[in-house]
């Protein structure tokens, strides 16, 4: 197992005290696998990603275990974690437009990531580049990375600034930057947000090709079932900081059990126009850590009085299929 996340809990500072944004999240990712984290905005998906990377700031508190290649990232010193970021596990941020610095050329930004992870020295060892000054070596490697993510005329593109790129090209440049340290795992936070449908498919195909060619494992965060259906092998559905269902993506699509998973699927438009999408009433509660019982109970059509008592346990109900719902408490 490449990544094993066990009972991850993250508390964030607020004016009203600490807020438990992620509450006991567990999942595992195998080498070469794509694992999805699905849910509405405000359910804790991005906080989970930033917790894995330890990028939430000094006042945030994360506990549990995040074991990558046998080593718990939460136990590393800050210096050790800085060395691990990018070189072992890398993040593709949610917005490519804000992830890139508008004041620097694309090539300079990819080159900076290469220098941080000593990519030039690695290139020399592999015999890809010959004796040249370090700056030229790094720049050439940056151009190679841009070409590798499908940017046409990469030598010219490296000289451009982010505002000269389209949204899809910016996303490809961000992916190239994430690959600069040759990580084993990528975390892609909403990688197709704000892109048109054609560009979205190109980004998904790119990530899938990189997974196959480089042997990457990818954790992809999304609210889009269609994206995960096309791209991921297994997935966990998050609601209000809890994992409410966990299974193969095919099982979640064919046989969803949790009322929240079922409601998410009901929101997906029918391409034949036969069935209108059904919105989920209400919103994710802003301070869900203060709720008793099932956190979806206020929006659930099957809620009973006991749902507002104790928090349901995550029960195993089938091969690699778990669900957190009182309706399945009798199933083991």
C-alpha atoms as a PDB file:
ATOM      1  CA  UNK A   1       0.000   0.000   0.000  1.00  0.00           C
ATOM      2  CA  UNK A   2       1.501   3.332  -1.040  1.00  0.00           C
ATOM      3  CA  UNK A   3      -0.632   5.585   1.190  1.00  0.00           C
ATOM      4  CA  UNK A   4      -2.581   4.626   4.307  1.00  0.00           C
ATOM      5  CA  UNK A   5      -4.668   7.346   5.971  1.00  0.00           C
ATOM      6  CA  UNK A   6      -6.036   6.251   9.348  1.00  0.00           C
ATOM      7  CA  UNK A   7      -8.416   8.247  11.556  1.00  0.00           C
ATOM      8  CA  UNK A   8      -7.262  11.605  10.185  1.00  0.00           C
ATOM      9  CA  UNK A   9      -8.710  14.417  12.287  1.00  0.00           C
ATOM     10  CA  UNK A  10      -8.059  18.096  11.571  1.00  0.00           C
ATOM     11  CA  UNK A  11      -9.012  21.056  13.780  1.00  0.00           C
ATOM     12  CA  UNK A  12      -8.862  24.570  12.346  1.00  0.00           C
ATOM     13  CA  UNK A  13      -8.661  27.767  14.431  1.00  0.00           C
ATOM     14  CA  UNK A  14     -11.635  30.150  14.316  1.00  0.00           C
ATOM     15  CA  UNK A  15     -12.767  33.139  16.364  1.00  0.00           C
ATOM     16  CA  UNK A  16     -15.114  30.811  18.230  1.00  0.00           C
ATOM     17  CA  UNK A  17     -12.437  28.256  19.014  1.00  0.00           C
ATOM     18  CA  UNK A  18     -11.265  25.243  17.065  1.00  0.00           C
ATOM     19  CA  UNK A  19     -13.500  23.747  14.369  1.00  0.00           C
ATOM     20  CA  UNK A  20     -13.182  20.034  13.544  1.00  0.00           C
ATOM     21  CA  UNK A  21     -13.242  20.147   9.751  1.00  0.00           C
ATOM     22  CA  UNK A  22     -12.089  16.549   9.186  1.00  0.00           C
ATOM     23  CA  UNK A  23     -13.276  13.906  11.627  1.00  0.00           C
ATOM     24  CA  UNK A  24     -11.769  10.423  11.573  1.00  0.00           C
ATOM     25  CA  UNK A  25     -11.217  10.045   7.813  1.00  0.00           C
ATOM     26  CA  UNK A  26      -9.597   6.772   6.720  1.00  0.00           C
ATOM     27  CA  UNK A  27      -8.734   5.422   3.275  1.00  0.00           C
ATOM     28  CA  UNK A  28      -5.851   3.770   1.441  1.00  0.00           C
ATOM     29  CA  UNK A  29      -4.305   4.179  -2.003  1.00  0.00           C
ATOM     30  CA  UNK A  30      -2.307   1.592  -3.904  1.00  0.00           C
ATOM     31  CA  UNK A  31       0.559   2.357  -6.269  1.00  0.00           C
ATOM     32  CA  UNK A  32      -0.790   3.317  -9.696  1.00  0.00           C
ATOM     33  CA  UNK A  33      -4.346   3.765  -8.395  1.00  0.00           C
ATOM     34  CA  UNK A  34      -6.677   6.743  -8.724  1.00  0.00           C
ATOM     35  CA  UNK A  35      -8.657   7.307  -5.524  1.00  0.00           C
ATOM     36  CA  UNK A  36     -11.530   9.785  -5.436  1.00  0.00           C
ATOM     37  CA  UNK A  37     -12.785  11.996  -2.609  1.00  0.00           C
ATOM     38  CA  UNK A  38     -16.315  13.115  -3.428  1.00  0.00           C
ATOM     39  CA  UNK A  39     -18.692  15.584  -1.805  1.00  0.00           C
ATOM     40  CA  UNK A  40     -20.195  19.055  -1.857  1.00  0.00           C
ATOM     41  CA  UNK A  41     -18.209  22.197  -1.116  1.00  0.00           C
ATOM     42  CA  UNK A  42     -17.650  22.548   2.605  1.00  0.00           C
ATOM     43  CA  UNK A  43     -17.531  18.815   3.343  1.00  0.00           C
ATOM     44  CA  UNK A  44     -13.810  18.680   4.186  1.00  0.00           C
ATOM     45  CA  UNK A  45     -12.295  17.388   0.947  1.00  0.00           C
ATOM     46  CA  UNK A  46      -9.738  20.162   0.419  1.00  0.00           C
ATOM     47  CA  UNK A  47      -8.904  20.289   4.131  1.00  0.00           C
ATOM     48  CA  UNK A  48      -8.168  16.562   3.906  1.00  0.00           C
ATOM     49  CA  UNK A  49      -5.810  17.188   0.978  1.00  0.00           C
ATOM     50  CA  UNK A  50      -4.021  20.029   2.734  1.00  0.00           C
ATOM     51  CA  UNK A  51      -3.768  17.901   5.875  1.00  0.00           C
ATOM     52  CA  UNK A  52      -1.978  15.182   3.905  1.00  0.00           C
ATOM     53  CA  UNK A  53       0.462  17.819   2.638  1.00  0.00           C
ATOM     54  CA  UNK A  54       0.679  19.580   6.041  1.00  0.00           C
ATOM     55  CA  UNK A  55      -0.092  22.930   4.423  1.00  0.00           C
ATOM     56  CA  UNK A  56      -2.750  24.263   6.815  1.00  0.00           C
ATOM     57  CA  UNK A  57      -0.522  26.571   8.857  1.00  0.00           C
ATOM     58  CA  UNK A  58       1.085  26.306  12.303  1.00  0.00           C
ATOM     59  CA  UNK A  59      -2.125  26.722  14.322  1.00  0.00           C
ATOM     60  CA  UNK A  60      -4.030  23.906  12.623  1.00  0.00           C
ATOM     61  CA  UNK A  61      -3.978  20.602  14.487  1.00  0.00           C
ATOM     62  CA  UNK A  62      -3.916  17.274  12.647  1.00  0.00           C
ATOM     63  CA  UNK A  63      -3.862  13.852  14.293  1.00  0.00           C
ATOM     64  CA  UNK A  64      -4.127  10.243  13.202  1.00  0.00           C
ATOM     65  CA  UNK A  65      -1.781   8.672  10.685  1.00  0.00           C
ATOM     66  CA  UNK A  66      -0.792   9.538   7.116  1.00  0.00           C
ATOM     67  CA  UNK A  67       1.626   6.760   6.213  1.00  0.00           C
ATOM     68  CA  UNK A  68       3.345   7.218   2.837  1.00  0.00           C
ATOM     69  CA  UNK A  69       5.711   4.430   1.799  1.00  0.00           C
ATOM     70  CA  UNK A  70       5.916   3.246   5.409  1.00  0.00           C
ATOM     71  CA  UNK A  71       6.584   6.670   6.960  1.00  0.00           C
ATOM     72  CA  UNK A  72       4.024   8.741   8.898  1.00  0.00           C
ATOM     73  CA  UNK A  73       4.055  12.254   7.419  1.00  0.00           C
ATOM     74  CA  UNK A  74       2.388  13.705  10.516  1.00  0.00           C
ATOM     75  CA  UNK A  75       5.412  12.661  12.587  1.00  0.00           C
ATOM     76  CA  UNK A  76       8.036  14.282  10.361  1.00  0.00           C
ATOM     77  CA  UNK A  77       9.808  17.469  11.373  1.00  0.00           C
ATOM     78  CA  UNK A  78       8.989  20.556   9.318  1.00  0.00           C
ATOM     79  CA  UNK A  79      12.355  20.274   7.533  1.00  0.00           C
ATOM     80  CA  UNK A  80      11.699  16.617   6.707  1.00  0.00           C
ATOM     81  CA  UNK A  81       8.199  17.447   5.473  1.00  0.00           C
ATOM     82  CA  UNK A  82       9.541  20.226   3.237  1.00  0.00           C
ATOM     83  CA  UNK A  83      11.858  17.661   1.666  1.00  0.00           C
ATOM     84  CA  UNK A  84       8.936  15.242   1.168  1.00  0.00           C
ATOM     85  CA  UNK A  85       6.621  17.789  -0.472  1.00  0.00           C
ATOM     86  CA  UNK A  86       7.025  17.660  -4.199  1.00  0.00           C
ATOM     87  CA  UNK A  87       9.625  14.901  -4.075  1.00  0.00           C
ATOM     88  CA  UNK A  88       7.337  12.182  -2.667  1.00  0.00           C
ATOM     89  CA  UNK A  89       3.854  13.686  -2.644  1.00  0.00           C
ATOM     90  CA  UNK A  90       2.759  16.732  -4.647  1.00  0.00           C
ATOM     91  CA  UNK A  91      -0.346  18.886  -4.845  1.00  0.00           C
ATOM     92  CA  UNK A  92      -2.173  20.209  -7.896  1.00  0.00           C
ATOM     93  CA  UNK A  93      -4.058  23.157  -6.330  1.00  0.00           C
ATOM     94  CA  UNK A  94      -7.711  23.875  -6.929  1.00  0.00           C
ATOM     95  CA  UNK A  95      -7.322  26.957  -9.127  1.00  0.00           C
ATOM     96  CA  UNK A  96      -4.554  27.046 -11.756  1.00  0.00           C
ATOM     97  CA  UNK A  97      -5.073  30.801 -12.193  1.00  0.00           C
ATOM     98  CA  UNK A  98      -4.156  31.597  -8.582  1.00  0.00           C
ATOM     99  CA  UNK A  99      -1.535  28.841  -8.287  1.00  0.00           C
ATOM    100  CA  UNK A 100       0.737  30.574 -10.812  1.00  0.00           C
ATOM    101  CA  UNK A 101       2.573  33.815 -10.052  1.00  0.00           C
ATOM    102  CA  UNK A 102       1.481  36.428 -12.642  1.00  0.00           C
ATOM    103  CA  UNK A 103       4.804  38.284 -12.326  1.00  0.00           C
ATOM    104  CA  UNK A 104       7.039  35.420 -13.473  1.00  0.00           C
ATOM    105  CA  UNK A 105       7.370  33.462 -16.684  1.00  0.00           C
ATOM    106  CA  UNK A 106       5.981  29.931 -16.798  1.00  0.00           C
ATOM    107  CA  UNK A 107       9.436  28.493 -17.415  1.00  0.00           C
ATOM    108  CA  UNK A 108      10.861  30.315 -14.375  1.00  0.00           C
ATOM    109  CA  UNK A 109       8.133  28.912 -12.143  1.00  0.00           C
ATOM    110  CA  UNK A 110       8.680  25.333 -13.288  1.00  0.00           C
ATOM    111  CA  UNK A 111      12.457  25.877 -13.013  1.00  0.00           C
ATOM    112  CA  UNK A 112      12.116  27.026  -9.410  1.00  0.00           C
ATOM    113  CA  UNK A 113      10.369  23.774  -8.507  1.00  0.00           C
ATOM    114  CA  UNK A 114      13.108  21.791 -10.260  1.00  0.00           C
ATOM    115  CA  UNK A 115      15.843  23.623  -8.356  1.00  0.00           C
ATOM    116  CA  UNK A 116      14.099  23.003  -5.036  1.00  0.00           C
ATOM    117  CA  UNK A 117      14.014  19.269  -5.706  1.00  0.00           C
ATOM    118  CA  UNK A 118      17.439  19.125  -7.404  1.00  0.00           C
ATOM    119  CA  UNK A 119      15.891  17.925 -10.646  1.00  0.00           C
ATOM    120  CA  UNK A 120      18.918  19.052 -12.635  1.00  0.00           C
ATOM    121  CA  UNK A 121      21.244  16.769 -10.727  1.00  0.00           C
ATOM    122  CA  UNK A 122      18.831  13.893 -11.328  1.00  0.00           C
ATOM    123  CA  UNK A 123      18.770  14.696 -15.031  1.00  0.00           C
ATOM    124  CA  UNK A 124      22.574  14.578 -15.186  1.00  0.00           C
ATOM    125  CA  UNK A 125      22.641  11.212 -13.412  1.00  0.00           C
ATOM    126  CA  UNK A 126      20.185   9.801 -15.950  1.00  0.00           C
ATOM    127  CA  UNK A 127      22.375  11.084 -18.769  1.00  0.00           C
ATOM    128  CA  UNK A 128      19.578  13.173 -20.253  1.00  0.00           C
ATOM    129  CA  UNK A 129      21.683  16.333 -20.332  1.00  0.00           C
ATOM    130  CA  UNK A 130      25.375  16.983 -20.822  1.00  0.00           C
ATOM    131  CA  UNK A 131      27.817  19.470 -19.331  1.00  0.00           C
ATOM    132  CA  UNK A 132      26.095  22.814 -19.337  1.00  0.00           C
ATOM    133  CA  UNK A 133      25.732  25.515 -16.782  1.00  0.00           C
ATOM    134  CA  UNK A 134      23.142  24.777 -14.104  1.00  0.00           C
ATOM    135  CA  UNK A 135      20.683  27.400 -15.298  1.00  0.00           C
ATOM    136  CA  UNK A 136      20.548  25.953 -18.798  1.00  0.00           C
ATOM    137  CA  UNK A 137      20.158  22.441 -17.430  1.00  0.00           C
ATOM    138  CA  UNK A 138      17.220  23.477 -15.249  1.00  0.00           C
ATOM    139  CA  UNK A 139      15.581  25.477 -18.046  1.00  0.00           C
ATOM    140  CA  UNK A 140      15.797  22.563 -20.457  1.00  0.00           C
ATOM    141  CA  UNK A 141      14.281  20.257 -17.895  1.00  0.00           C
ATOM    142  CA  UNK A 142      11.422  22.765 -17.412  1.00  0.00           C
ATOM    143  CA  UNK A 143      10.802  22.751 -21.179  1.00  0.00           C
ATOM    144  CA  UNK A 144      10.789  18.928 -21.117  1.00  0.00           C
ATOM    145  CA  UNK A 145       8.174  18.930 -18.364  1.00  0.00           C
ATOM    146  CA  UNK A 146       5.978  21.385 -20.269  1.00  0.00           C
ATOM    147  CA  UNK A 147       6.246  19.200 -23.356  1.00  0.00           C
ATOM    148  CA  UNK A 148       5.434  16.135 -21.256  1.00  0.00           C
ATOM    149  CA  UNK A 149       2.110  17.605 -20.140  1.00  0.00           C
ATOM    150  CA  UNK A 150       1.044  18.326 -23.708  1.00  0.00           C
ATOM    151  CA  UNK A 151       1.918  22.005 -24.127  1.00  0.00           C
ATOM    152  CA  UNK A 152       2.722  22.621 -27.780  1.00  0.00           C
ATOM    153  CA  UNK A 153       5.861  24.589 -28.688  1.00  0.00           C
ATOM    154  CA  UNK A 154       7.130  24.307 -25.094  1.00  0.00           C
ATOM    155  CA  UNK A 155      10.280  26.371 -25.718  1.00  0.00           C
ATOM    156  CA  UNK A 156       8.160  29.342 -26.681  1.00  0.00           C
ATOM    157  CA  UNK A 157       5.513  28.639 -24.028  1.00  0.00           C
ATOM    158  CA  UNK A 158       8.157  28.680 -21.279  1.00  0.00           C
ATOM    159  CA  UNK A 159       8.846  32.337 -22.093  1.00  0.00           C
ATOM    160  CA  UNK A 160       5.205  33.330 -21.601  1.00  0.00           C
ATOM    161  CA  UNK A 161       3.463  34.708 -18.507  1.00  0.00           C
ATOM    162  CA  UNK A 162       0.345  33.081 -17.002  1.00  0.00           C
ATOM    163  CA  UNK A 163      -2.013  35.735 -18.395  1.00  0.00           C
ATOM    164  CA  UNK A 164      -0.944  34.662 -21.891  1.00  0.00           C
ATOM    165  CA  UNK A 165      -2.125  31.094 -21.255  1.00  0.00           C
ATOM    166  CA  UNK A 166      -5.636  29.690 -21.490  1.00  0.00           C
ATOM    167  CA  UNK A 167      -7.162  27.974 -18.468  1.00  0.00           C
ATOM    168  CA  UNK A 168      -6.272  24.537 -19.781  1.00  0.00           C
ATOM    169  CA  UNK A 169      -2.667  25.543 -20.480  1.00  0.00           C
ATOM    170  CA  UNK A 170      -2.360  27.044 -16.986  1.00  0.00           C
ATOM    171  CA  UNK A 171      -3.573  23.749 -15.518  1.00  0.00           C
ATOM    172  CA  UNK A 172      -1.016  21.840 -17.582  1.00  0.00           C
ATOM    173  CA  UNK A 173       1.729  24.193 -16.370  1.00  0.00           C
ATOM    174  CA  UNK A 174       0.654  23.594 -12.763  1.00  0.00           C
ATOM    175  CA  UNK A 175       0.777  19.832 -13.365  1.00  0.00           C
ATOM    176  CA  UNK A 176       4.279  20.194 -14.850  1.00  0.00           C
ATOM    177  CA  UNK A 177       5.358  22.074 -11.716  1.00  0.00           C
ATOM    178  CA  UNK A 178       3.918  19.328  -9.512  1.00  0.00           C
ATOM    179  CA  UNK A 179       5.937  16.725 -11.446  1.00  0.00           C
ATOM    180  CA  UNK A 180       9.221  18.601 -11.061  1.00  0.00           C
ATOM    181  CA  UNK A 181      10.326  16.550  -8.051  1.00  0.00           C
ATOM    182  CA  UNK A 182       9.291  13.177  -9.569  1.00  0.00           C
ATOM    183  CA  UNK A 183       6.772  12.332  -6.813  1.00  0.00           C
ATOM    184  CA  UNK A 184       5.160   8.925  -6.361  1.00  0.00           C
ATOM    185  CA  UNK A 185       1.775  10.460  -5.517  1.00  0.00           C
ATOM    186  CA  UNK A 186      -0.265  13.417  -6.781  1.00  0.00           C
ATOM    187  CA  UNK A 187      -3.190  15.057  -5.021  1.00  0.00           C
ATOM    188  CA  UNK A 188      -5.415  16.770  -7.599  1.00  0.00           C
ATOM    189  CA  UNK A 189      -7.859  19.177  -5.950  1.00  0.00           C
ATOM    190  CA  UNK A 190     -10.770  19.819  -8.339  1.00  0.00           C
ATOM    191  CA  UNK A 191      -8.440  19.577 -11.385  1.00  0.00           C
ATOM    192  CA  UNK A 192     -11.165  20.435 -13.927  1.00  0.00           C
ATOM    193  CA  UNK A 193     -12.917  23.300 -12.118  1.00  0.00           C
ATOM    194  CA  UNK A 194     -13.598  26.421 -14.236  1.00  0.00           C
ATOM    195  CA  UNK A 195     -12.583  24.643 -17.455  1.00  0.00           C
ATOM    196  CA  UNK A 196     -14.912  23.964 -20.355  1.00  0.00           C
ATOM    197  CA  UNK A 197     -15.983  20.389 -21.059  1.00  0.00           C
ATOM    198  CA  UNK A 198     -13.532  19.747 -23.890  1.00  0.00           C
ATOM    199  CA  UNK A 199     -10.584  21.014 -21.844  1.00  0.00           C
ATOM    200  CA  UNK A 200     -11.747  18.993 -18.827  1.00  0.00           C
ATOM    201  CA  UNK A 201     -11.554  15.785 -20.833  1.00  0.00           C
ATOM    202  CA  UNK A 202      -8.059  16.716 -22.008  1.00  0.00           C
ATOM    203  CA  UNK A 203      -6.869  17.236 -18.435  1.00  0.00           C
ATOM    204  CA  UNK A 204      -8.389  13.914 -17.325  1.00  0.00           C
ATOM    205  CA  UNK A 205      -6.710  12.097 -20.224  1.00  0.00           C
ATOM    206  CA  UNK A 206      -3.411  13.787 -19.359  1.00  0.00           C
ATOM    207  CA  UNK A 207      -3.567  12.721 -15.707  1.00  0.00           C
ATOM    208  CA  UNK A 208      -4.465   9.182 -16.720  1.00  0.00           C
ATOM    209  CA  UNK A 209      -1.564   9.035 -19.168  1.00  0.00           C
ATOM    210  CA  UNK A 210       0.860  10.320 -16.527  1.00  0.00           C
ATOM    211  CA  UNK A 211      -0.454   7.748 -14.075  1.00  0.00           C
ATOM    212  CA  UNK A 212       0.245   4.943 -16.533  1.00  0.00           C
ATOM    213  CA  UNK A 213       3.581   6.208 -17.842  1.00  0.00           C
ATOM    214  CA  UNK A 214       5.083   7.344 -14.520  1.00  0.00           C
ATOM    215  CA  UNK A 215       3.425   4.820 -12.216  1.00  0.00           C
ATOM    216  CA  UNK A 216       1.777   7.590 -10.203  1.00  0.00           C
ATOM    217  CA  UNK A 217      -0.925   7.165  -7.603  1.00  0.00           C
ATOM    218  CA  UNK A 218      -3.458  10.001  -7.671  1.00  0.00           C
ATOM    219  CA  UNK A 219      -5.947  11.225  -5.095  1.00  0.00           C
ATOM    220  CA  UNK A 220      -8.515  13.260  -7.034  1.00  0.00           C
ATOM    221  CA  UNK A 221     -10.906  15.559  -5.173  1.00  0.00           C
ATOM    222  CA  UNK A 222     -14.164  16.446  -6.871  1.00  0.00           C
ATOM    223  CA  UNK A 223     -17.878  17.079  -6.497  1.00  0.00           C
ATOM    224  CA  UNK A 224     -18.402  15.642  -9.984  1.00  0.00           C
ATOM    225  CA  UNK A 225     -19.522  12.003 -10.159  1.00  0.00           C
ATOM    226  CA  UNK A 226     -18.974  11.990 -13.930  1.00  0.00           C
ATOM    227  CA  UNK A 227     -15.292  12.831 -13.488  1.00  0.00           C
ATOM    228  CA  UNK A 228     -14.762  10.111 -10.901  1.00  0.00           C
ATOM    229  CA  UNK A 229     -16.711   7.593 -12.981  1.00  0.00           C
ATOM    230  CA  UNK A 230     -14.334   8.148 -15.884  1.00  0.00           C
ATOM    231  CA  UNK A 231     -11.127   8.401 -13.928  1.00  0.00           C
ATOM    232  CA  UNK A 232     -11.058   6.803 -10.459  1.00  0.00           C
ATOM    233  CA  UNK A 233     -10.801   3.181  -9.309  1.00  0.00           C
ATOM    234  CA  UNK A 234     -12.158   3.592  -5.781  1.00  0.00           C
ATOM    235  CA  UNK A 235     -13.667   6.506  -3.895  1.00  0.00           C
ATOM    236  CA  UNK A 236     -14.841   7.786  -0.540  1.00  0.00           C
ATOM    237  CA  UNK A 237     -17.845  10.079  -0.146  1.00  0.00           C
ATOM    238  CA  UNK A 238     -17.344  12.825   2.447  1.00  0.00           C
ATOM    239  CA  UNK A 239     -20.088  14.731   4.198  1.00  0.00           C
ATOM    240  CA  UNK A 240     -19.510  17.255   6.982  1.00  0.00           C
ATOM    241  CA  UNK A 241     -16.057  15.907   7.778  1.00  0.00           C
ATOM    242  CA  UNK A 242     -17.071  12.224   7.887  1.00  0.00           C
ATOM    243  CA  UNK A 243     -16.582   9.448   5.367  1.00  0.00           C
ATOM    244  CA  UNK A 244     -20.181   8.315   4.811  1.00  0.00           C
ATOM    245  CA  UNK A 245     -19.510   5.694   2.135  1.00  0.00           C
ATOM    246  CA  UNK A 246     -16.432   4.012   0.712  1.00  0.00           C
ATOM    247  CA  UNK A 247     -16.280   1.524  -2.160  1.00  0.00           C
ATOM    248  CA  UNK A 248     -15.110   0.974  -5.712  1.00  0.00           C
ATOM    249  CA  UNK A 249     -16.307   3.754  -8.010  1.00  0.00           C
ATOM    250  CA  UNK A 250     -18.328   1.232  -9.995  1.00  0.00           C
ATOM    251  CA  UNK A 251     -20.123   0.090  -6.825  1.00  0.00           C
ATOM    252  CA  UNK A 252     -20.889   3.661  -5.794  1.00  0.00           C
ATOM    253  CA  UNK A 253     -22.410   4.318  -9.203  1.00  0.00           C
ATOM    254  CA  UNK A 254     -24.373   1.080  -9.486  1.00  0.00           C
ATOM    255  CA  UNK A 255     -25.366   0.414  -5.869  1.00  0.00           C
ATOM    256  CA  UNK A 256     -25.031   3.527  -3.697  1.00  0.00           C
ATOM    257  CA  UNK A 257     -26.256   2.851  -0.156  1.00  0.00           C
ATOM    258  CA  UNK A 258     -25.922   6.032   1.857  1.00  0.00           C
ATOM    259  CA  UNK A 259     -28.793   8.503   1.332  1.00  0.00           C
ATOM    260  CA  UNK A 260     -26.244  11.257   0.675  1.00  0.00           C
ATOM    261  CA  UNK A 261     -24.511   9.273  -2.074  1.00  0.00           C
ATOM    262  CA  UNK A 262     -27.905   8.506  -3.590  1.00  0.00           C
ATOM    263  CA  UNK A 263     -28.831  12.202  -3.413  1.00  0.00           C
ATOM    264  CA  UNK A 264     -25.591  13.227  -5.144  1.00  0.00           C
ATOM    265  CA  UNK A 265     -26.314  10.840  -7.995  1.00  0.00           C
ATOM    266  CA  UNK A 266     -29.860  12.188  -8.257  1.00  0.00           C
ATOM    267  CA  UNK A 267     -28.361  15.642  -8.900  1.00  0.00           C
ATOM    268  CA  UNK A 268     -26.627  14.434 -12.060  1.00  0.00           C
ATOM    269  CA  UNK A 269     -28.610  15.506 -15.172  1.00  0.00           C
ATOM    270  CA  UNK A 270     -30.026  12.773 -17.369  1.00  0.00           C
ATOM    271  CA  UNK A 271     -28.563  13.230 -20.849  1.00  0.00           C
ATOM    272  CA  UNK A 272     -31.705  11.774 -22.423  1.00  0.00           C
ATOM    273  CA  UNK A 273     -33.840  14.389 -20.705  1.00  0.00           C
ATOM    274  CA  UNK A 274     -36.119  11.689 -19.311  1.00  0.00           C
ATOM    275  CA  UNK A 275     -35.499  12.488 -15.634  1.00  0.00           C
ATOM    276  CA  UNK A 276     -34.927  15.962 -14.207  1.00  0.00           C
ATOM    277  CA  UNK A 277     -32.103  16.301 -11.668  1.00  0.00           C
ATOM    278  CA  UNK A 278     -33.268  16.453  -8.060  1.00  0.00           C
ATOM    279  CA  UNK A 279     -31.453  18.988  -5.866  1.00  0.00           C
ATOM    280  CA  UNK A 280     -30.574  18.152  -2.265  1.00  0.00           C
ATOM    281  CA  UNK A 281     -32.595  20.380   0.076  1.00  0.00           C
ATOM    282  CA  UNK A 282     -30.670  22.604   2.473  1.00  0.00           C
ATOM    283  CA  UNK A 283     -26.926  23.115   2.780  1.00  0.00           C
ATOM    284  CA  UNK A 284     -23.950  21.607   4.543  1.00  0.00           C
ATOM    285  CA  UNK A 285     -24.175  23.032   8.104  1.00  0.00           C
ATOM    286  CA  UNK A 286     -21.390  25.577   8.778  1.00  0.00           C
ATOM    287  CA  UNK A 287     -20.449  24.185  12.212  1.00  0.00           C
ATOM    288  CA  UNK A 288     -21.127  20.525  11.682  1.00  0.00           C
ATOM    289  CA  UNK A 289     -18.684  19.518  14.423  1.00  0.00           C
ATOM    290  CA  UNK A 290     -21.299  20.642  16.950  1.00  0.00           C
ATOM    291  CA  UNK A 291     -24.050  18.408  15.586  1.00  0.00           C
ATOM    292  CA  UNK A 292     -25.175  15.285  17.416  1.00  0.00           C
ATOM    293  CA  UNK A 293     -25.932  12.066  15.576  1.00  0.00           C
ATOM    294  CA  UNK A 294     -25.800  11.665  11.811  1.00  0.00           C
ATOM    295  CA  UNK A 295     -24.687  14.935  10.241  1.00  0.00           C
ATOM    296  CA  UNK A 296     -26.850  14.356   7.181  1.00  0.00           C
ATOM    297  CA  UNK A 297     -30.020  13.768   9.217  1.00  0.00           C
ATOM    298  CA  UNK A 298     -31.392  17.299   8.724  1.00  0.00           C
ATOM    299  CA  UNK A 299     -31.390  16.795   4.941  1.00  0.00           C
ATOM    300  CA  UNK A 300     -32.075  13.069   4.771  1.00  0.00           C
ATOM    301  CA  UNK A 301     -35.477  11.798   3.545  1.00  0.00           C
ATOM    302  CA  UNK A 302     -35.034   8.605   5.610  1.00  0.00           C
ATOM    303  CA  UNK A 303     -34.093  10.285   8.913  1.00  0.00           C
ATOM    304  CA  UNK A 304     -35.562   8.862  12.113  1.00  0.00           C
ATOM    305  CA  UNK A 305     -35.461  10.087  15.699  1.00  0.00           C
ATOM    306  CA  UNK A 306     -32.499   7.835  16.542  1.00  0.00           C
ATOM    307  CA  UNK A 307     -30.493   9.367  13.687  1.00  0.00           C
ATOM    308  CA  UNK A 308     -30.099  12.491  15.833  1.00  0.00           C
ATOM    309  CA  UNK A 309     -28.638  10.513  18.723  1.00  0.00           C
ATOM    310  CA  UNK A 310     -25.260   8.821  18.326  1.00  0.00           C
ATOM    311  CA  UNK A 311     -23.065   9.135  15.246  1.00  0.00           C
ATOM    312  CA  UNK A 312     -23.469   5.945  13.151  1.00  0.00           C
ATOM    313  CA  UNK A 313     -20.390   3.778  12.772  1.00  0.00           C
ATOM    314  CA  UNK A 314     -18.790   3.097   9.408  1.00  0.00           C
ATOM    315  CA  UNK A 315     -19.986  -0.457   8.752  1.00  0.00           C
ATOM    316  CA  UNK A 316     -18.610  -2.994   6.275  1.00  0.00           C
ATOM    317  CA  UNK A 317     -21.541  -4.169   4.149  1.00  0.00           C
ATOM    318  CA  UNK A 318     -19.791  -5.893   1.253  1.00  0.00           C
ATOM    319  CA  UNK A 319     -16.393  -6.528  -0.330  1.00  0.00           C
ATOM    320  CA  UNK A 320     -14.479  -3.254   0.182  1.00  0.00           C
ATOM    321  CA  UNK A 321     -17.816  -1.467   0.700  1.00  0.00           C
ATOM    322  CA  UNK A 322     -18.484   0.515   3.883  1.00  0.00           C
ATOM    323  CA  UNK A 323     -21.324   2.866   4.810  1.00  0.00           C
ATOM    324  CA  UNK A 324     -22.079   5.134   7.772  1.00  0.00           C
ATOM    325  CA  UNK A 325     -25.864   4.929   8.185  1.00  0.00           C
ATOM    326  CA  UNK A 326     -28.232   3.565  10.827  1.00  0.00           C
ATOM    327  CA  UNK A 327     -30.148   1.740   8.071  1.00  0.00           C
ATOM    328  CA  UNK A 328     -27.214  -0.688   7.791  1.00  0.00           C
ATOM    329  CA  UNK A 329     -26.275  -1.095  11.455  1.00  0.00           C
ATOM    330  CA  UNK A 330     -27.543  -4.677  11.418  1.00  0.00           C
ATOM    331  CA  UNK A 331     -25.333  -5.616   8.454  1.00  0.00           C
ATOM    332  CA  UNK A 332     -21.795  -6.853   9.095  1.00  0.00           C
END
